[in-house]
Amino acid sequence: MEPAPRQTPTTPDKVDLKFTASESGPIQVSFEPIGTFFVLEPDESIYLRTPIGTLDSLQVVWWTGGIEVWVDHPGDHTVLDENGTELDTL
């Protein structure tokens, strides 16, 4: 069964940032200062839907086995799975 197409933002002032685990193994994607995290299996992705106006304040740090995303405007961001289903509001 093929997954449903991913939903697009409902307003033009938002953008989806994609985070994907490589083929080599799972990674942890964490969102700070909230402390929420997700473990992605190989080739699995999640999206951070964020207002375009907050892009310059996001900090993304990558290391082997993980990605940390610092969001300065809690409440303005949504984490979505590969199908566009909301997982969390940051």
PDB file of N, CA and C in Angstrom:
ATOM      1  N   MET A   1       0.852  -1.176   0.000  1.00  0.00           N
ATOM      2  CA  MET A   1       0.000   0.000   0.000  1.00  0.00           C
ATOM      3  C   MET A   1       0.897   1.239   0.000  1.00  0.00           C
ATOM      4  N   GLU A   2       0.582   2.167  -0.828  1.00  0.00           N
ATOM      5  CA  GLU A   2       1.357   3.401  -0.948  1.00  0.00           C
ATOM      6  C   GLU A   2       0.830   4.437   0.035  1.00  0.00           C
ATOM      7  N   PRO A   3       1.759   5.176   0.713  1.00  0.00           N
ATOM      8  CA  PRO A   3       1.283   6.177   1.673  1.00  0.00           C
ATOM      9  C   PRO A   3       0.505   7.289   0.985  1.00  0.00           C
ATOM     10  N   ALA A   4      -0.387   7.888   1.750  1.00  0.00           N
ATOM     11  CA  ALA A   4      -1.160   9.025   1.231  1.00  0.00           C
ATOM     12  C   ALA A   4      -0.220  10.183   0.956  1.00  0.00           C
ATOM     13  N   PRO A   5      -0.552  11.036  -0.020  1.00  0.00           N
ATOM     14  CA  PRO A   5       0.315  12.190  -0.283  1.00  0.00           C
ATOM     15  C   PRO A   5       0.384  13.103   0.940  1.00  0.00           C
ATOM     16  N   ARG A   6       1.553  13.692   1.137  1.00  0.00           N
ATOM     17  CA  ARG A   6       1.752  14.583   2.265  1.00  0.00           C
ATOM     18  C   ARG A   6       0.953  15.858   2.070  1.00  0.00           C
ATOM     19  N   GLN A   7       0.355  16.331   3.140  1.00  0.00           N
ATOM     20  CA  GLN A   7      -0.421  17.560   3.081  1.00  0.00           C
ATOM     21  C   GLN A   7       0.509  18.751   2.911  1.00  0.00           C
ATOM     22  N   THR A   8       0.003  19.804   2.329  1.00  0.00           N
ATOM     23  CA  THR A   8       0.775  21.036   2.186  1.00  0.00           C
ATOM     24  C   THR A   8       0.287  22.039   3.216  1.00  0.00           C
ATOM     25  N   PRO A   9       1.119  23.023   3.538  1.00  0.00           N
ATOM     26  CA  PRO A   9       0.685  24.024   4.522  1.00  0.00           C
ATOM     27  C   PRO A   9      -0.618  24.685   4.097  1.00  0.00           C
ATOM     28  N   THR A  10      -1.435  25.018   5.084  1.00  0.00           N
ATOM     29  CA  THR A  10      -2.727  25.637   4.788  1.00  0.00           C
ATOM     30  C   THR A  10      -2.596  27.138   4.587  1.00  0.00           C
ATOM     31  N   THR A  11      -1.451  27.703   4.942  1.00  0.00           N
ATOM     32  CA  THR A  11      -1.229  29.129   4.729  1.00  0.00           C
ATOM     33  C   THR A  11       0.094  29.324   4.011  1.00  0.00           C
ATOM     34  N   PRO A  12       0.195  30.342   3.177  1.00  0.00           N
ATOM     35  CA  PRO A  12       1.419  30.548   2.399  1.00  0.00           C
ATOM     36  C   PRO A  12       2.595  31.086   3.215  1.00  0.00           C
ATOM     37  N   ASP A  13       2.366  31.426   4.474  1.00  0.00           N
ATOM     38  CA  ASP A  13       3.452  31.994   5.282  1.00  0.00           C
ATOM     39  C   ASP A  13       4.206  30.935   6.087  1.00  0.00           C
ATOM     40  N   LYS A  14       4.004  29.652   5.758  1.00  0.00           N
ATOM     41  CA  LYS A  14       4.690  28.567   6.464  1.00  0.00           C
ATOM     42  C   LYS A  14       5.476  27.711   5.473  1.00  0.00           C
ATOM     43  N   VAL A  15       6.497  27.044   5.996  1.00  0.00           N
ATOM     44  CA  VAL A  15       7.326  26.174   5.183  1.00  0.00           C
ATOM     45  C   VAL A  15       7.581  24.889   5.967  1.00  0.00           C
ATOM     46  N   ASP A  16       7.738  23.771   5.248  1.00  0.00           N
ATOM     47  CA  ASP A  16       8.040  22.490   5.871  1.00  0.00           C
ATOM     48  C   ASP A  16       9.516  22.175   5.691  1.00  0.00           C
ATOM     49  N   LEU A  17      10.223  21.931   6.805  1.00  0.00           N
ATOM     50  CA  LEU A  17      11.615  21.513   6.768  1.00  0.00           C
ATOM     51  C   LEU A  17      11.648  20.008   6.989  1.00  0.00           C
ATOM     52  N   LYS A  18      12.338  19.288   6.119  1.00  0.00           N
ATOM     53  CA  LYS A  18      12.369  17.832   6.160  1.00  0.00           C
ATOM     54  C   LYS A  18      13.643  17.338   6.837  1.00  0.00           C
ATOM     55  N   PHE A  19      13.483  16.369   7.742  1.00  0.00           N
ATOM     56  CA  PHE A  19      14.606  15.710   8.404  1.00  0.00           C
ATOM     57  C   PHE A  19      14.471  14.217   8.145  1.00  0.00           C
ATOM     58  N   THR A  20      15.532  13.606   7.579  1.00  0.00           N
ATOM     59  CA  THR A  20      15.486  12.209   7.162  1.00  0.00           C
ATOM     60  C   THR A  20      16.665  11.439   7.730  1.00  0.00           C
ATOM     61  N   ALA A  21      16.408  10.225   8.206  1.00  0.00           N
ATOM     62  CA  ALA A  21      17.476   9.330   8.648  1.00  0.00           C
ATOM     63  C   ALA A  21      18.116   8.704   7.416  1.00  0.00           C
ATOM     64  N   SER A  22      19.428   8.531   7.454  1.00  0.00           N
ATOM     65  CA  SER A  22      20.124   7.906   6.330  1.00  0.00           C
ATOM     66  C   SER A  22      19.862   6.403   6.326  1.00  0.00           C
ATOM     67  N   GLU A  23      20.367   5.744   5.323  1.00  0.00           N
ATOM     68  CA  GLU A  23      20.192   4.297   5.199  1.00  0.00           C
ATOM     69  C   GLU A  23      20.985   3.531   6.246  1.00  0.00           C
ATOM     70  N   SER A  24      21.979   4.183   6.875  1.00  0.00           N
ATOM     71  CA  SER A  24      22.901   3.470   7.758  1.00  0.00           C
ATOM     72  C   SER A  24      22.356   3.185   9.157  1.00  0.00           C
ATOM     73  N   GLY A  25      21.265   3.795   9.521  1.00  0.00           N
ATOM     74  CA  GLY A  25      20.746   3.494  10.848  1.00  0.00           C
ATOM     75  C   GLY A  25      19.813   4.550  11.376  1.00  0.00           C
ATOM     76  N   PRO A  26      19.209   4.284  12.527  1.00  0.00           N
ATOM     77  CA  PRO A  26      18.266   5.252  13.102  1.00  0.00           C
ATOM     78  C   PRO A  26      18.987   6.479  13.632  1.00  0.00           C
ATOM     79  N   ILE A  27      18.243   7.582  13.701  1.00  0.00           N
ATOM     80  CA  ILE A  27      18.743   8.818  14.309  1.00  0.00           C
ATOM     81  C   ILE A  27      17.673   9.370  15.242  1.00  0.00           C
ATOM     82  N   GLN A  28      18.102  10.233  16.133  1.00  0.00           N
ATOM     83  CA  GLN A  28      17.178  10.940  17.013  1.00  0.00           C
ATOM     84  C   GLN A  28      17.114  12.391  16.563  1.00  0.00           C
ATOM     85  N   VAL A  29      15.901  12.900  16.364  1.00  0.00           N
ATOM     86  CA  VAL A  29      15.698  14.315  16.056  1.00  0.00           C
ATOM     87  C   VAL A  29      15.061  14.935  17.290  1.00  0.00           C
ATOM     88  N   SER A  30      15.776  15.904  17.888  1.00  0.00           N
ATOM     89  CA  SER A  30      15.249  16.538  19.099  1.00  0.00           C
ATOM     90  C   SER A  30      14.966  18.009  18.840  1.00  0.00           C
ATOM     91  N   PHE A  31      13.963  18.505  19.540  1.00  0.00           N
ATOM     92  CA  PHE A  31      13.552  19.894  19.414  1.00  0.00           C
ATOM     93  C   PHE A  31      13.715  20.563  20.779  1.00  0.00           C
ATOM     94  N   GLU A  32      14.565  21.577  20.821  1.00  0.00           N
ATOM     95  CA  GLU A  32      14.866  22.290  22.062  1.00  0.00           C
ATOM     96  C   GLU A  32      14.354  23.721  21.955  1.00  0.00           C
ATOM     97  N   PRO A  33      14.013  24.384  23.015  1.00  0.00           N
ATOM     98  CA  PRO A  33      14.168  24.003  24.410  1.00  0.00           C
ATOM     99  C   PRO A  33      13.032  23.143  24.946  1.00  0.00           C
ATOM    100  N   ILE A  34      12.143  22.692  24.086  1.00  0.00           N
ATOM    101  CA  ILE A  34      10.973  21.927  24.510  1.00  0.00           C
ATOM    102  C   ILE A  34      11.375  20.565  25.058  1.00  0.00           C
ATOM    103  N   GLY A  35      12.369  19.913  24.435  1.00  0.00           N
ATOM    104  CA  GLY A  35      12.818  18.601  24.873  1.00  0.00           C
ATOM    105  C   GLY A  35      12.089  17.447  24.204  1.00  0.00           C
ATOM    106  N   THR A  36      11.319  17.727  23.180  1.00  0.00           N
ATOM    107  CA  THR A  36      10.625  16.682  22.433  1.00  0.00           C
ATOM    108  C   THR A  36      11.602  16.028  21.472  1.00  0.00           C
ATOM    109  N   PHE A  37      11.528  14.706  21.321  1.00  0.00           N
ATOM    110  CA  PHE A  37      12.384  14.045  20.345  1.00  0.00           C
ATOM    111  C   PHE A  37      11.657  12.887  19.682  1.00  0.00           C
ATOM    112  N   PHE A  38      12.154  12.528  18.508  1.00  0.00           N
ATOM    113  CA  PHE A  38      11.612  11.422  17.721  1.00  0.00           C
ATOM    114  C   PHE A  38      12.788  10.590  17.224  1.00  0.00           C
ATOM    115  N   VAL A  39      12.615   9.276  17.193  1.00  0.00           N
ATOM    116  CA  VAL A  39      13.629   8.388  16.645  1.00  0.00           C
ATOM    117  C   VAL A  39      13.153   7.969  15.261  1.00  0.00           C
ATOM    118  N   LEU A  40      13.991   8.241  14.260  1.00  0.00           N
ATOM    119  CA  LEU A  40      13.659   7.899  12.879  1.00  0.00           C
ATOM    120  C   LEU A  40      14.453   6.678  12.452  1.00  0.00           C
ATOM    121  N   GLU A  41      13.777   5.725  11.872  1.00  0.00           N
ATOM    122  CA  GLU A  41      14.425   4.535  11.320  1.00  0.00           C
ATOM    123  C   GLU A  41      15.024   4.887   9.959  1.00  0.00           C
ATOM    124  N   PRO A  42      15.902   4.048   9.413  1.00  0.00           N
ATOM    125  CA  PRO A  42      16.522   4.347   8.121  1.00  0.00           C
ATOM    126  C   PRO A  42      15.488   4.741   7.056  1.00  0.00           C
ATOM    127  N   ASP A  43      15.787   5.839   6.368  1.00  0.00           N
ATOM    128  CA  ASP A  43      14.957   6.411   5.296  1.00  0.00           C
ATOM    129  C   ASP A  43      13.612   6.974   5.766  1.00  0.00           C
ATOM    130  N   GLU A  44      13.368   7.020   7.051  1.00  0.00           N
ATOM    131  CA  GLU A  44      12.145   7.618   7.582  1.00  0.00           C
ATOM    132  C   GLU A  44      12.354   9.128   7.730  1.00  0.00           C
ATOM    133  N   SER A  45      11.293   9.908   7.553  1.00  0.00           N
ATOM    134  CA  SER A  45      11.381  11.367   7.618  1.00  0.00           C
ATOM    135  C   SER A  45      10.302  11.943   8.523  1.00  0.00           C
ATOM    136  N   ILE A  46      10.597  13.132   9.058  1.00  0.00           N
ATOM    137  CA  ILE A  46       9.586  13.963   9.700  1.00  0.00           C
ATOM    138  C   ILE A  46       9.773  15.371   9.157  1.00  0.00           C
ATOM    139  N   TYR A  47       8.750  16.200   9.369  1.00  0.00           N
ATOM    140  CA  TYR A  47       8.773  17.574   8.882  1.00  0.00           C
ATOM    141  C   TYR A  47       8.503  18.524  10.042  1.00  0.00           C
ATOM    142  N   LEU A  48       9.176  19.653  10.011  1.00  0.00           N
ATOM    143  CA  LEU A  48       8.887  20.743  10.940  1.00  0.00           C
ATOM    144  C   LEU A  48       8.216  21.837  10.132  1.00  0.00           C
ATOM    145  N   ARG A  49       6.940  22.079  10.401  1.00  0.00           N
ATOM    146  CA  ARG A  49       6.206  23.171   9.750  1.00  0.00           C
ATOM    147  C   ARG A  49       6.396  24.412  10.604  1.00  0.00           C
ATOM    148  N   THR A  50       6.974  25.428   9.992  1.00  0.00           N
ATOM    149  CA  THR A  50       7.344  26.617  10.743  1.00  0.00           C
ATOM    150  C   THR A  50       7.004  27.877   9.954  1.00  0.00           C
ATOM    151  N   PRO A  51       6.653  28.959  10.635  1.00  0.00           N
ATOM    152  CA  PRO A  51       6.424  30.219   9.931  1.00  0.00           C
ATOM    153  C   PRO A  51       7.714  30.680   9.238  1.00  0.00           C
ATOM    154  N   ILE A  52       7.592  31.161   8.033  1.00  0.00           N
ATOM    155  CA  ILE A  52       8.761  31.638   7.290  1.00  0.00           C
ATOM    156  C   ILE A  52       9.498  32.705   8.088  1.00  0.00           C
ATOM    157  N   GLY A  53       8.794  33.530   8.818  1.00  0.00           N
ATOM    158  CA  GLY A  53       9.405  34.604   9.589  1.00  0.00           C
ATOM    159  C   GLY A  53      10.298  34.128  10.731  1.00  0.00           C
ATOM    160  N   THR A  54      10.222  32.840  11.102  1.00  0.00           N
ATOM    161  CA  THR A  54      11.068  32.335  12.191  1.00  0.00           C
ATOM    162  C   THR A  54      12.279  31.554  11.676  1.00  0.00           C
ATOM    163  N   LEU A  55      12.407  31.407  10.368  1.00  0.00           N
ATOM    164  CA  LEU A  55      13.516  30.619   9.813  1.00  0.00           C
ATOM    165  C   LEU A  55      14.884  31.128  10.256  1.00  0.00           C
ATOM    166  N   ASP A  56      15.044  32.432  10.333  1.00  0.00           N
ATOM    167  CA  ASP A  56      16.359  32.968  10.696  1.00  0.00           C
ATOM    168  C   ASP A  56      16.717  32.716  12.155  1.00  0.00           C
ATOM    169  N   SER A  57      15.762  32.319  12.981  1.00  0.00           N
ATOM    170  CA  SER A  57      16.065  32.059  14.390  1.00  0.00           C
ATOM    171  C   SER A  57      16.244  30.565  14.688  1.00  0.00           C
ATOM    172  N   LEU A  58      15.945  29.692  13.721  1.00  0.00           N
ATOM    173  CA  LEU A  58      16.133  28.255  13.936  1.00  0.00           C
ATOM    174  C   LEU A  58      17.615  27.912  13.901  1.00  0.00           C
ATOM    175  N   GLN A  59      18.021  27.016  14.784  1.00  0.00           N
ATOM    176  CA  GLN A  59      19.387  26.505  14.776  1.00  0.00           C
ATOM    177  C   GLN A  59      19.302  24.994  14.613  1.00  0.00           C
ATOM    178  N   VAL A  60      20.024  24.459  13.636  1.00  0.00           N
ATOM    179  CA  VAL A  60      20.024  23.025  13.377  1.00  0.00           C
ATOM    180  C   VAL A  60      21.457  22.524  13.514  1.00  0.00           C
ATOM    181  N   VAL A  61      21.643  21.536  14.382  1.00  0.00           N
ATOM    182  CA  VAL A  61      22.954  20.942  14.608  1.00  0.00           C
ATOM    183  C   VAL A  61      22.847  19.457  14.301  1.00  0.00           C
ATOM    184  N   TRP A  62      23.797  18.954  13.517  1.00  0.00           N
ATOM    185  CA  TRP A  62      23.814  17.547  13.135  1.00  0.00           C
ATOM    186  C   TRP A  62      25.052  16.881  13.702  1.00  0.00           C
ATOM    187  N   TRP A  63      24.917  15.681  14.155  1.00  0.00           N
ATOM    188  CA  TRP A  63      26.055  14.854  14.560  1.00  0.00           C
ATOM    189  C   TRP A  63      25.687  13.413  14.229  1.00  0.00           C
ATOM    190  N   THR A  64      26.661  12.510  14.272  1.00  0.00           N
ATOM    191  CA  THR A  64      26.391  11.110  13.979  1.00  0.00           C
ATOM    192  C   THR A  64      25.329  10.593  14.941  1.00  0.00           C
ATOM    193  N   GLY A  65      24.223  10.160  14.396  1.00  0.00           N
ATOM    194  CA  GLY A  65      23.150   9.608  15.211  1.00  0.00           C
ATOM    195  C   GLY A  65      22.094  10.587  15.666  1.00  0.00           C
ATOM    196  N   GLY A  66      22.211  11.864  15.276  1.00  0.00           N
ATOM    197  CA  GLY A  66      21.186  12.779  15.744  1.00  0.00           C
ATOM    198  C   GLY A  66      21.180  14.142  15.092  1.00  0.00           C
ATOM    199  N   ILE A  67      20.057  14.816  15.249  1.00  0.00           N
ATOM    200  CA  ILE A  67      19.857  16.188  14.791  1.00  0.00           C
ATOM    201  C   ILE A  67      19.154  16.920  15.925  1.00  0.00           C
ATOM    202  N   GLU A  68      19.645  18.106  16.249  1.00  0.00           N
ATOM    203  CA  GLU A  68      18.990  18.946  17.242  1.00  0.00           C
ATOM    204  C   GLU A  68      18.514  20.213  16.554  1.00  0.00           C
ATOM    205  N   VAL A  69      17.254  20.572  16.794  1.00  0.00           N
ATOM    206  CA  VAL A  69      16.671  21.781  16.221  1.00  0.00           C
ATOM    207  C   VAL A  69      16.238  22.674  17.376  1.00  0.00           C
ATOM    208  N   TRP A  70      16.790  23.887  17.426  1.00  0.00           N
ATOM    209  CA  TRP A  70      16.434  24.843  18.470  1.00  0.00           C
ATOM    210  C   TRP A  70      15.402  25.804  17.900  1.00  0.00           C
ATOM    211  N   VAL A  71      14.219  25.849  18.518  1.00  0.00           N
ATOM    212  CA  VAL A  71      13.151  26.741  18.080  1.00  0.00           C
ATOM    213  C   VAL A  71      12.953  27.829  19.127  1.00  0.00           C
ATOM    214  N   ASP A  72      13.112  29.084  18.713  1.00  0.00           N
ATOM    215  CA  ASP A  72      13.015  30.207  19.641  1.00  0.00           C
ATOM    216  C   ASP A  72      11.590  30.701  19.873  1.00  0.00           C
ATOM    217  N   HIS A  73      10.650  30.232  19.108  1.00  0.00           N
ATOM    218  CA  HIS A  73       9.280  30.722  19.216  1.00  0.00           C
ATOM    219  C   HIS A  73       8.329  29.562  19.499  1.00  0.00           C
ATOM    220  N   PRO A  74       8.373  28.980  20.689  1.00  0.00           N
ATOM    221  CA  PRO A  74       7.474  27.863  20.998  1.00  0.00           C
ATOM    222  C   PRO A  74       6.017  28.216  20.726  1.00  0.00           C
ATOM    223  N   GLY A  75       5.278  27.238  20.250  1.00  0.00           N
ATOM    224  CA  GLY A  75       3.865  27.418  19.933  1.00  0.00           C
ATOM    225  C   GLY A  75       3.608  27.697  18.469  1.00  0.00           C
ATOM    226  N   ASP A  76       4.662  28.073  17.718  1.00  0.00           N
ATOM    227  CA  ASP A  76       4.502  28.410  16.305  1.00  0.00           C
ATOM    228  C   ASP A  76       4.842  27.258  15.356  1.00  0.00           C
ATOM    229  N   HIS A  77       5.284  26.118  15.886  1.00  0.00           N
ATOM    230  CA  HIS A  77       5.826  25.054  15.056  1.00  0.00           C
ATOM    231  C   HIS A  77       5.020  23.768  15.224  1.00  0.00           C
ATOM    232  N   THR A  78       4.944  22.985  14.137  1.00  0.00           N
ATOM    233  CA  THR A  78       4.243  21.711  14.157  1.00  0.00           C
ATOM    234  C   THR A  78       5.155  20.649  13.568  1.00  0.00           C
ATOM    235  N   VAL A  79       5.219  19.494  14.227  1.00  0.00           N
ATOM    236  CA  VAL A  79       5.972  18.355  13.701  1.00  0.00           C
ATOM    237  C   VAL A  79       4.978  17.416  13.034  1.00  0.00           C
ATOM    238  N   LEU A  80       5.294  17.021  11.796  1.00  0.00           N
ATOM    239  CA  LEU A  80       4.424  16.152  11.000  1.00  0.00           C
ATOM    240  C   LEU A  80       5.172  14.886  10.613  1.00  0.00           C
ATOM    241  N   ASP A  81       4.447  13.789  10.443  1.00  0.00           N
ATOM    242  CA  ASP A  81       5.080  12.579   9.934  1.00  0.00           C
ATOM    243  C   ASP A  81       5.132  12.640   8.410  1.00  0.00           C
ATOM    244  N   GLU A  82       5.597  11.562   7.793  1.00  0.00           N
ATOM    245  CA  GLU A  82       5.771  11.535   6.333  1.00  0.00           C
ATOM    246  C   GLU A  82       4.469  11.723   5.567  1.00  0.00           C
ATOM    247  N   ASN A  83       3.352  11.420   6.198  1.00  0.00           N
ATOM    248  CA  ASN A  83       2.053  11.540   5.538  1.00  0.00           C
ATOM    249  C   ASN A  83       1.339  12.847   5.843  1.00  0.00           C
ATOM    250  N   GLY A  84       1.982  13.719   6.623  1.00  0.00           N
ATOM    251  CA  GLY A  84       1.376  14.997   6.948  1.00  0.00           C
ATOM    252  C   GLY A  84       0.515  14.982   8.186  1.00  0.00           C
ATOM    253  N   THR A  85       0.555  13.885   8.935  1.00  0.00           N
ATOM    254  CA  THR A  85      -0.206  13.798  10.178  1.00  0.00           C
ATOM    255  C   THR A  85       0.549  14.515  11.289  1.00  0.00           C
ATOM    256  N   GLU A  86      -0.154  15.335  12.049  1.00  0.00           N
ATOM    257  CA  GLU A  86       0.474  16.098  13.122  1.00  0.00           C
ATOM    258  C   GLU A  86       0.905  15.158  14.249  1.00  0.00           C
ATOM    259  N   LEU A  87       2.179  15.265  14.644  1.00  0.00           N
ATOM    260  CA  LEU A  87       2.718  14.484  15.738  1.00  0.00           C
ATOM    261  C   LEU A  87       2.812  15.290  17.031  1.00  0.00           C
ATOM    262  N   ASP A  88       3.120  16.586  16.902  1.00  0.00           N
ATOM    263  CA  ASP A  88       3.313  17.430  18.078  1.00  0.00           C
ATOM    264  C   ASP A  88       3.297  18.892  17.674  1.00  0.00           C
ATOM    265  N   THR A  89       2.940  19.755  18.604  1.00  0.00           N
ATOM    266  CA  THR A  89       3.051  21.199  18.428  1.00  0.00           C
ATOM    267  C   THR A  89       4.130  21.681  19.383  1.00  0.00           C
ATOM    268  N   LEU A  90       5.077  22.424  18.840  1.00  0.00           N
ATOM    269  CA  LEU A  90       6.194  22.907  19.651  1.00  0.00           C
ATOM    270  C   LEU A  90       5.993  24.374  19.974  1.00  0.00           C
TER     271      LEU A  90
END
